[in-house]
Protein backbone atom coordinates (compact mmCIF):
# COMPACT_ATOMS: atom_id res chain seq x y z
CA MET A 1 0.00 0.00 0.00
CA ARG A 2 1.29 3.45 -0.92
CA VAL A 3 1.88 5.78 2.02
CA LEU A 4 2.22 9.55 1.73
CA TYR A 5 3.43 11.22 4.92
CA ILE A 6 1.51 14.28 6.08
CA ASP A 7 4.65 16.44 6.19
CA VAL A 8 5.50 15.51 2.59
CA TYR A 9 1.90 16.23 1.59
CA PHE A 10 2.14 19.62 3.32
CA LEU A 11 5.43 20.45 1.56
CA ILE A 12 4.07 19.46 -1.85
CA ASN A 13 0.93 21.58 -1.42
CA PHE A 14 2.95 24.49 -0.11
CA THR A 15 5.19 24.26 -3.18
CA VAL A 16 2.24 24.10 -5.58
CA ASP A 17 0.46 27.04 -3.91
CA LEU A 18 3.63 29.13 -3.72
CA LEU A 19 4.42 28.64 -7.40
CA SER A 20 0.80 29.18 -8.48
CA LEU A 21 0.52 32.40 -6.50
CA TYR A 22 3.90 33.68 -7.66
CA PHE A 23 3.21 33.17 -11.36
CA SER A 24 -0.36 34.49 -11.04
CA LEU A 25 0.99 37.71 -9.56
CA GLU A 26 3.64 37.96 -12.26
CA MET A 27 1.21 37.42 -15.13
CA LEU A 28 -1.26 40.00 -13.79
CA HIS A 29 1.49 42.52 -12.92
CA PHE A 30 0.90 42.51 -9.17
CA SER A 31 3.72 43.58 -6.90
CA SER A 32 4.47 40.56 -4.70
CA VAL A 33 5.49 40.95 -1.07
CA ARG A 34 7.46 37.93 0.12
CA TRP A 35 5.88 37.49 3.53
CA ARG A 36 2.38 37.75 2.05
CA LEU A 37 3.29 35.24 -0.65
CA ALA A 38 4.68 32.77 1.89
CA LEU A 39 1.78 33.23 4.31
CA SER A 40 -0.80 32.71 1.56
CA ALA A 41 0.92 29.50 0.48
CA LEU A 42 0.96 28.35 4.11
CA VAL A 43 -2.79 28.93 4.34
CA GLY A 44 -3.35 26.78 1.25
CA ALA A 45 -1.05 24.02 2.49
CA ALA A 46 -2.73 24.03 5.91
CA TYR A 47 -6.14 23.62 4.27
CA ALA A 48 -4.84 20.71 2.17
CA SER A 49 -3.48 19.00 5.28
CA LEU A 50 -6.73 19.52 7.19
CA SER A 51 -8.69 18.09 4.28
CA VAL A 52 -6.87 14.77 4.81
CA LEU A 53 -7.91 14.69 8.46
CA PHE A 54 -11.55 15.63 7.75
CA TYR A 55 -11.99 13.90 4.38
CA THR A 56 -15.41 12.49 5.39
CA SER A 57 -16.89 15.92 6.21
CA THR A 58 -17.74 17.14 2.72
CA ALA A 59 -19.76 20.20 3.74
CA PHE A 60 -17.10 21.31 6.21
CA LEU A 61 -14.36 20.93 3.57
CA LEU A 62 -16.31 22.96 1.01
CA ILE A 63 -16.76 25.82 3.49
CA LEU A 64 -13.12 25.60 4.55
CA SER A 65 -11.99 25.56 0.91
CA PHE A 66 -13.99 28.70 0.14
CA ILE A 67 -12.64 30.51 3.22
CA SER A 68 -9.04 29.55 2.47
CA LEU A 69 -9.27 30.62 -1.20
CA ILE A 70 -10.79 34.00 -0.34
CA GLY A 71 -8.29 34.49 2.48
CA MET A 72 -5.34 33.71 0.20
CA VAL A 73 -6.49 36.15 -2.49
CA LEU A 74 -7.24 38.94 0.00
CA LEU A 75 -3.90 38.45 1.71
CA ILE A 76 -1.87 38.48 -1.49
CA SER A 77 -3.60 41.45 -3.17
CA PRO A 78 -4.03 44.33 -0.70
CA GLY A 79 -5.76 47.32 -2.23
CA ALA A 80 -6.77 45.58 -5.47
CA GLY A 81 -10.26 45.96 -6.91
CA LEU A 82 -12.83 43.16 -7.11
CA TYR A 83 -12.29 42.64 -10.85
CA ARG A 84 -8.53 42.17 -10.51
CA ARG A 85 -8.98 39.86 -7.53
CA MET A 86 -11.41 37.70 -9.51
CA LYS A 87 -8.88 37.46 -12.33
CA LEU A 88 -6.21 36.54 -9.80
CA LEU A 89 -8.43 33.87 -8.25
CA PHE A 90 -9.26 32.13 -11.54
CA LEU A 91 -5.68 32.30 -12.81
CA PHE A 92 -4.44 30.88 -9.51
CA LEU A 93 -6.89 27.96 -9.74
CA PHE A 94 -5.84 27.26 -13.33
CA LEU A 95 -2.13 27.31 -12.49
CA GLN A 96 -2.75 25.23 -9.38
CA LEU A 97 -4.28 22.48 -11.56
CA LEU A 98 -1.41 22.78 -14.04
CA ILE A 99 1.38 22.78 -11.48
CA GLY A 100 -0.39 20.19 -9.34
CA GLY A 101 -0.43 17.83 -12.31
CA ILE A 102 3.25 18.47 -12.97
CA VAL A 103 4.13 17.88 -9.33
CA HIS A 104 2.00 14.72 -9.04
CA PHE A 105 3.57 13.24 -12.18
CA GLY A 106 7.06 14.28 -11.09
CA TYR A 107 6.64 12.87 -7.61
CA ASP A 108 5.55 9.46 -8.92
CA LEU A 109 8.29 9.42 -11.55
CA LEU A 110 11.03 10.25 -9.07
CA ARG A 111 9.73 7.70 -6.58
CA ARG A 112 9.83 4.95 -9.20
CA LEU A 113 13.25 5.95 -10.50
CA LEU A 114 14.76 6.04 -7.02
CA SER A 115 13.19 2.71 -6.10
CA ASN A 116 14.38 1.03 -9.31
CA ALA A 117 17.87 2.41 -8.79
CA GLY A 118 17.93 1.02 -5.27
CA LEU A 119 18.96 4.40 -3.93
CA SER A 120 19.57 4.12 -0.23
CA GLY A 121 19.18 6.85 2.26
CA SER A 122 16.89 8.07 4.97
CA VAL A 123 13.26 8.92 4.36
CA GLU A 124 13.98 12.54 5.25
CA ASN A 125 16.68 12.85 2.60
CA ARG A 126 14.37 11.42 -0.03
CA LYS A 127 11.65 13.90 0.94
CA LEU A 128 14.03 16.81 0.44
CA LEU A 129 15.23 15.40 -2.85
CA TYR A 130 11.65 15.02 -4.11
CA LEU A 131 10.76 18.54 -3.08
CA ALA A 132 13.85 20.15 -4.63
CA ALA A 133 13.37 18.31 -7.92
CA LEU A 134 9.67 19.21 -8.05
CA ILE A 135 10.39 22.89 -7.49
CA LEU A 136 12.97 22.95 -10.28
CA LEU A 137 10.69 21.05 -12.65
CA ALA A 138 7.69 23.30 -12.00
CA LEU A 139 9.78 26.47 -12.24
CA GLY A 140 11.19 25.48 -15.61
CA ILE A 141 7.83 24.61 -17.13
CA LEU A 142 6.04 27.64 -15.67
CA ARG A 143 8.78 30.00 -16.86
CA LEU A 144 8.13 28.71 -20.36
CA ALA A 145 4.36 29.14 -19.90
CA MET A 146 4.88 32.72 -18.68
CA ALA A 147 6.94 33.55 -21.76
CA LEU A 148 4.10 32.26 -23.97
CA LEU A 149 1.28 33.93 -22.04
CA SER A 150 2.90 37.20 -21.02
CA GLY A 151 1.37 39.00 -23.96
CA ALA A 152 -2.17 37.74 -23.29
CA SER A 153 -3.15 40.82 -21.34
CA GLY A 154 -2.70 44.27 -22.86
CA GLU A 155 -3.24 46.27 -19.70
CA GLU A 156 -0.30 47.72 -17.81
CA SER A 157 -0.34 48.46 -14.13
CA VAL A 158 2.02 49.55 -11.39
CA GLU A 159 1.90 49.49 -7.62
CA VAL A 160 1.66 52.87 -5.91
CA GLY A 161 1.91 54.10 -2.35
CA ILE A 162 0.17 57.23 -1.09
CA THR A 163 0.38 59.12 2.19
CA LEU A 164 -1.90 62.02 3.07
CA MET A 165 -2.12 63.57 6.53
CA GLY A 166 -1.17 60.32 8.23
CA ARG A 167 -3.52 58.19 6.10
CA ARG A 168 -1.95 55.58 3.81
CA TYR A 169 -2.96 53.58 0.79
CA TYR A 170 -1.03 50.96 -1.16
CA GLY A 171 -2.38 49.21 -4.24
CA ALA A 172 -2.39 48.83 -8.01
CA ALA A 173 -3.05 51.59 -10.54
CA LEU A 174 -3.87 51.40 -14.24
CA VAL A 175 -1.40 53.18 -16.51
CA ASP A 176 -3.28 55.13 -19.20
CA SER A 177 -1.43 56.41 -22.25
CA GLY A 178 -4.42 58.59 -23.12
CA CYS A 179 -4.52 60.48 -19.83
CA PHE A 180 -2.94 63.95 -19.98
CA LEU A 181 -4.60 65.64 -17.00
CA SER A 182 -2.51 68.21 -15.14
CA ASP A 183 -2.89 70.97 -12.59
CA PRO A 184 -3.63 74.14 -14.61
CA LEU A 185 -1.56 76.23 -12.17
CA ASP A 186 1.79 74.47 -12.38
CA GLY A 187 1.38 71.54 -14.78
CA THR A 188 1.68 68.81 -12.11
CA ALA A 189 0.37 65.46 -13.38
CA VAL A 190 -3.03 64.40 -12.04
CA VAL A 191 -3.81 60.90 -10.75
CA LEU A 192 -7.50 59.97 -10.74
CA MET A 193 -8.95 57.95 -7.86
CA LYS A 194 -12.32 56.31 -7.29
CA ARG A 195 -14.28 56.32 -4.05
CA GLY A 196 -12.64 53.17 -2.67
CA VAL A 197 -9.29 54.96 -2.55
CA ALA A 198 -10.68 58.42 -1.74
CA ALA A 199 -12.51 57.05 1.32
CA ARG A 200 -9.18 55.73 2.64
CA LEU A 201 -7.34 59.03 2.19
CA LEU A 202 -9.85 61.89 2.48
CA PRO A 203 -11.96 63.11 5.42
CA ASP A 204 -15.74 62.71 5.19
CA GLU A 205 -16.23 66.48 4.84
CA LEU A 206 -14.16 66.48 1.65
CA LEU A 207 -15.92 63.44 0.23
CA LEU A 208 -19.26 65.21 0.76
CA GLU A 209 -17.82 68.50 -0.55
CA ASN A 210 -18.81 70.29 2.63
CA MET A 211 -16.18 72.98 2.11
CA SER A 212 -17.11 75.01 5.18
CA ARG A 213 -16.18 72.13 7.50
CA ILE A 214 -13.03 70.87 5.81
CA PRO A 215 -10.04 71.07 8.22
CA GLU A 216 -7.63 73.91 7.46
CA GLU A 217 -4.67 71.59 6.91
CA TYR A 218 -6.55 69.97 4.02
CA LYS A 219 -7.70 73.28 2.51
CA LYS A 220 -4.08 74.30 1.97
CA LYS A 221 -3.57 71.24 -0.26
CA LEU A 222 -6.73 71.53 -2.38
CA ARG A 223 -6.72 72.08 -6.15
CA LEU A 224 -9.50 72.41 -8.73
CA ILE A 225 -8.91 70.23 -11.79
CA PRO A 226 -11.00 70.95 -14.91
CA ILE A 227 -11.65 67.98 -17.20
CA ARG A 228 -13.65 67.62 -20.42
CA VAL A 229 -15.67 64.46 -21.06
CA PHE A 230 -17.67 64.11 -24.30
CA GLY A 231 -17.59 67.87 -24.80
CA ALA A 232 -18.87 68.69 -21.30
CA GLN A 233 -16.54 70.24 -18.74
CA ARG A 234 -16.45 69.17 -15.11
CA ILE A 235 -14.41 70.29 -12.13
CA LEU A 236 -12.77 67.66 -9.95
CA THR A 237 -11.55 68.25 -6.43
CA GLY A 238 -7.82 67.65 -6.29
CA ILE A 239 -5.40 67.45 -3.39
CA ARG A 240 -1.62 67.17 -3.08
CA PRO A 241 -0.55 64.04 -1.15
CA ASP A 242 2.31 64.23 1.33
CA ASP A 243 3.99 61.30 -0.42
CA PHE A 244 3.35 59.44 -3.67
CA TYR A 245 5.61 56.73 -5.05
CA ILE A 246 5.49 54.17 -7.84
CA CYS A 247 6.94 50.65 -7.60
CA LYS A 248 7.92 49.07 -10.89
CA ASN A 249 10.40 46.29 -11.65
CA SER A 250 11.52 46.26 -8.00
CA LYS A 251 12.31 49.99 -8.14
CA LYS A 252 10.57 52.75 -6.20
CA GLU A 253 10.40 56.37 -7.28
CA ARG A 254 8.69 59.28 -5.55
CA ILE A 255 6.77 61.63 -7.82
CA ARG A 256 5.00 64.94 -7.29
CA VAL A 257 1.34 64.56 -8.29
CA VAL A 258 -2.15 65.82 -7.57
CA LEU A 259 -4.85 63.33 -6.62
CA ALA A 260 -8.28 64.06 -8.09
CA TYR A 261 -11.45 62.44 -6.80
CA ASP A 262 -13.51 60.98 -9.66
CA LYS A 263 -17.05 60.47 -8.36
CA GLU A 264 -18.42 58.86 -11.52
CA ASP A 265 -19.69 55.26 -11.21
CA GLY A 266 -17.54 52.32 -12.25
CA ASP A 267 -13.79 51.94 -12.17
CA TYR A 268 -10.79 51.91 -14.50
CA GLU A 269 -10.93 48.39 -15.99
CA GLY A 270 -11.00 46.92 -12.50
CA TYR A 271 -8.59 49.42 -10.91
CA LYS A 272 -9.38 52.21 -8.46
CA LEU A 273 -6.52 54.46 -9.55
CA LEU A 274 -5.54 55.77 -12.97
CA ILE A 275 -2.18 57.40 -13.65
CA PRO A 276 -0.80 59.02 -16.82
CA SER A 277 1.78 56.88 -18.61
CA ALA A 278 4.10 59.89 -18.70
CA ILE A 279 4.84 59.59 -14.98
CA ALA A 280 5.25 55.81 -15.04
CA LYS A 281 7.33 55.17 -18.16
CA ASN A 282 10.61 56.36 -16.64
CA VAL A 283 10.27 54.26 -13.48
CA GLY A 284 11.98 50.88 -13.33
């Protein structure tokens, strides 16, 4: 009878989840944070291990599976919109099936080869050998898949960090080559934000445009940004953040911008921030 030790099962699932998450983030242009990546993979591996212990409780496993999947996606994509998180979830599941198949085949193949060769050694050494070989195998195949699929999505995004009066936001922004908004006073580039981001950074009085009750420290930073949409002109409320930086290709650059609150419904192709390509092209 074939026996698979729980620690080996945990390591295999951790490897599969780690690789699936990593390549999902790369393909969708998310900025990966190592501790979040590792913790998300640990959550997935823990669920897989628990599923062995409670394999007869189908309803419990379905609920636990849903909770673990949502938890992994939320943990790995702070600040992302619902649309991008859904894309991340489905791509992760697809890659998990792909890598899981590779790992399952590789594990069986290595086990047979080592047994036929009469390779001696402790069980622990064989576990480490299996794991190392599976990681290398999956990395090689997934690197090839990434090269083939990297052009599947035409959208470009970057990770940005914003600080305003002690409030902070970190998340993804869509880079728009057709956006040329700027502050009419000094030409500073304008970054558009939807309510999800504005609510994190702006006081309620500013969101409601109750100008008489806006704190003085915010009034000093305010700007009025005129925009023209389908021939009609609107005025957006803009504000200068204390700090704004872009992360791209592992590089971070601080840029002087004005944030403008766009109250229109919807988002920017799943993003809550839109930045002109002119301020992103020279980063990274």
